Amino acid sequence: MAKYNYAKLTGKIVEVFGSQKAYARFMGWAERTASEKLNCNSEFKQGEIVKTVEGLGLSFADIPEYFFARIAQRN
């Protein structure tokens, strides 16, 4: 599974929802599920990305910036 940098996404979640816990409730998840996804231990499904984008007031053009920023690999 690819590793992504969700720092910008996490910051926007806190800005809009106030906490990761509130975001998890919005998504209909347990708080652990949100944590697993934001820590790259579980992947976001397409529908979850769409719901998150809409909930955060982002545009679909923002998806790559928030969901597909790769973590730099060290050699």
C-alpha atoms as a PDB file:
ATOM      1  CA  MET A   1       0.000   0.000   0.000  1.00  0.00           C
ATOM      2  CA  ALA A   2       1.321   3.438  -0.949  1.00  0.00           C
ATOM      3  CA  LYS A   3       2.068   5.899   1.831  1.00  0.00           C
ATOM      4  CA  TYR A   4       0.559   9.355   1.541  1.00  0.00           C
ATOM      5  CA  ASN A   5       1.132  12.552   3.473  1.00  0.00           C
ATOM      6  CA  TYR A   6      -2.227  13.505   4.976  1.00  0.00           C
ATOM      7  CA  ALA A   7      -0.907  16.473   7.001  1.00  0.00           C
ATOM      8  CA  LYS A   8      -2.805  19.009   4.895  1.00  0.00           C
ATOM      9  CA  LEU A   9      -5.972  16.886   5.026  1.00  0.00           C
ATOM     10  CA  THR A  10      -5.687  16.460   8.787  1.00  0.00           C
ATOM     11  CA  GLY A  11      -5.222  20.210   9.232  1.00  0.00           C
ATOM     12  CA  LYS A  12      -8.321  20.947   7.142  1.00  0.00           C
ATOM     13  CA  ILE A  13     -10.321  18.348   9.102  1.00  0.00           C
ATOM     14  CA  VAL A  14      -9.431  20.067  12.384  1.00  0.00           C
ATOM     15  CA  GLU A  15     -10.168  23.495  10.864  1.00  0.00           C
ATOM     16  CA  VAL A  16     -13.631  22.474   9.617  1.00  0.00           C
ATOM     17  CA  PHE A  17     -14.790  19.804  12.071  1.00  0.00           C
ATOM     18  CA  GLY A  18     -12.826  20.843  15.158  1.00  0.00           C
ATOM     19  CA  SER A  19     -11.448  17.343  15.751  1.00  0.00           C
ATOM     20  CA  GLN A  20     -10.752  13.992  14.155  1.00  0.00           C
ATOM     21  CA  LYS A  21     -13.478  12.530  16.370  1.00  0.00           C
ATOM     22  CA  ALA A  22     -16.098  14.903  14.903  1.00  0.00           C
ATOM     23  CA  TYR A  23     -14.883  14.042  11.392  1.00  0.00           C
ATOM     24  CA  ALA A  24     -15.243  10.329  12.170  1.00  0.00           C
ATOM     25  CA  ARG A  25     -18.841  10.918  13.303  1.00  0.00           C
ATOM     26  CA  PHE A  26     -19.561  12.840  10.090  1.00  0.00           C
ATOM     27  CA  MET A  27     -18.207   9.918   8.071  1.00  0.00           C
ATOM     28  CA  GLY A  28     -20.144   7.344  10.117  1.00  0.00           C
ATOM     29  CA  TRP A  29     -16.931   5.726  11.351  1.00  0.00           C
ATOM     30  CA  ALA A  30     -15.431   4.809  14.671  1.00  0.00           C
ATOM     31  CA  GLU A  31     -12.674   7.235  15.638  1.00  0.00           C
ATOM     32  CA  ARG A  32     -10.169   4.398  15.165  1.00  0.00           C
ATOM     33  CA  THR A  33     -11.220   4.036  11.502  1.00  0.00           C
ATOM     34  CA  ALA A  34     -10.457   7.703  10.838  1.00  0.00           C
ATOM     35  CA  SER A  35      -7.120   7.308  12.580  1.00  0.00           C
ATOM     36  CA  GLU A  36      -6.257   4.207  10.532  1.00  0.00           C
ATOM     37  CA  LYS A  37      -7.006   6.016   7.270  1.00  0.00           C
ATOM     38  CA  LEU A  38      -5.155   9.222   8.189  1.00  0.00           C
ATOM     39  CA  ASN A  39      -2.115   7.187   9.312  1.00  0.00           C
ATOM     40  CA  CYS A  40      -1.988   5.183   6.036  1.00  0.00           C
ATOM     41  CA  ASN A  41      -2.947   1.900   7.701  1.00  0.00           C
ATOM     42  CA  SER A  42      -6.178   1.688   5.683  1.00  0.00           C
ATOM     43  CA  GLU A  43      -7.027   3.170   2.292  1.00  0.00           C
ATOM     44  CA  PHE A  44      -9.721   5.728   1.516  1.00  0.00           C
ATOM     45  CA  LYS A  45     -12.455   4.439  -0.806  1.00  0.00           C
ATOM     46  CA  GLN A  46     -13.670   6.672  -3.642  1.00  0.00           C
ATOM     47  CA  GLY A  47     -16.991   7.419  -1.949  1.00  0.00           C
ATOM     48  CA  GLU A  48     -15.175   8.355   1.264  1.00  0.00           C
ATOM     49  CA  ILE A  49     -12.967  10.786  -0.634  1.00  0.00           C
ATOM     50  CA  VAL A  50     -16.035  12.395  -2.252  1.00  0.00           C
ATOM     51  CA  LYS A  51     -17.870  12.696   1.090  1.00  0.00           C
ATOM     52  CA  THR A  52     -14.765  14.166   2.748  1.00  0.00           C
ATOM     53  CA  VAL A  53     -14.246  16.705  -0.049  1.00  0.00           C
ATOM     54  CA  GLU A  54     -17.872  17.799   0.174  1.00  0.00           C
ATOM     55  CA  GLY A  55     -17.813  17.957   3.986  1.00  0.00           C
ATOM     56  CA  LEU A  56     -14.661  20.064   3.959  1.00  0.00           C
ATOM     57  CA  GLY A  57     -15.999  22.429   1.299  1.00  0.00           C
ATOM     58  CA  LEU A  58     -13.204  21.575  -1.117  1.00  0.00           C
ATOM     59  CA  SER A  59     -13.447  21.212  -4.873  1.00  0.00           C
ATOM     60  CA  PHE A  60     -12.783  17.986  -6.727  1.00  0.00           C
ATOM     61  CA  ALA A  61      -9.692  19.669  -8.201  1.00  0.00           C
ATOM     62  CA  ASP A  62      -8.246  19.648  -4.648  1.00  0.00           C
ATOM     63  CA  ILE A  63      -8.317  15.842  -4.376  1.00  0.00           C
ATOM     64  CA  PRO A  64      -4.725  15.199  -5.550  1.00  0.00           C
ATOM     65  CA  GLU A  65      -3.331  17.813  -3.165  1.00  0.00           C
ATOM     66  CA  TYR A  66      -5.189  16.428  -0.121  1.00  0.00           C
ATOM     67  CA  PHE A  67      -5.324  12.691  -0.848  1.00  0.00           C
ATOM     68  CA  PHE A  68      -2.378  11.797  -3.072  1.00  0.00           C
ATOM     69  CA  ALA A  69       0.636  13.716  -1.738  1.00  0.00           C
ATOM     70  CA  ARG A  70       3.286  11.008  -1.454  1.00  0.00           C
ATOM     71  CA  ILE A  71       5.559  10.640   1.531  1.00  0.00           C
ATOM     72  CA  ALA A  72       9.141  11.017   0.360  1.00  0.00           C
ATOM     73  CA  GLN A  73      10.986   7.704   0.389  1.00  0.00           C
ATOM     74  CA  ARG A  74      14.420   7.580   2.003  1.00  0.00           C
ATOM     75  CA  ASN A  75      17.086   5.494   0.320  1.00  0.00           C
END
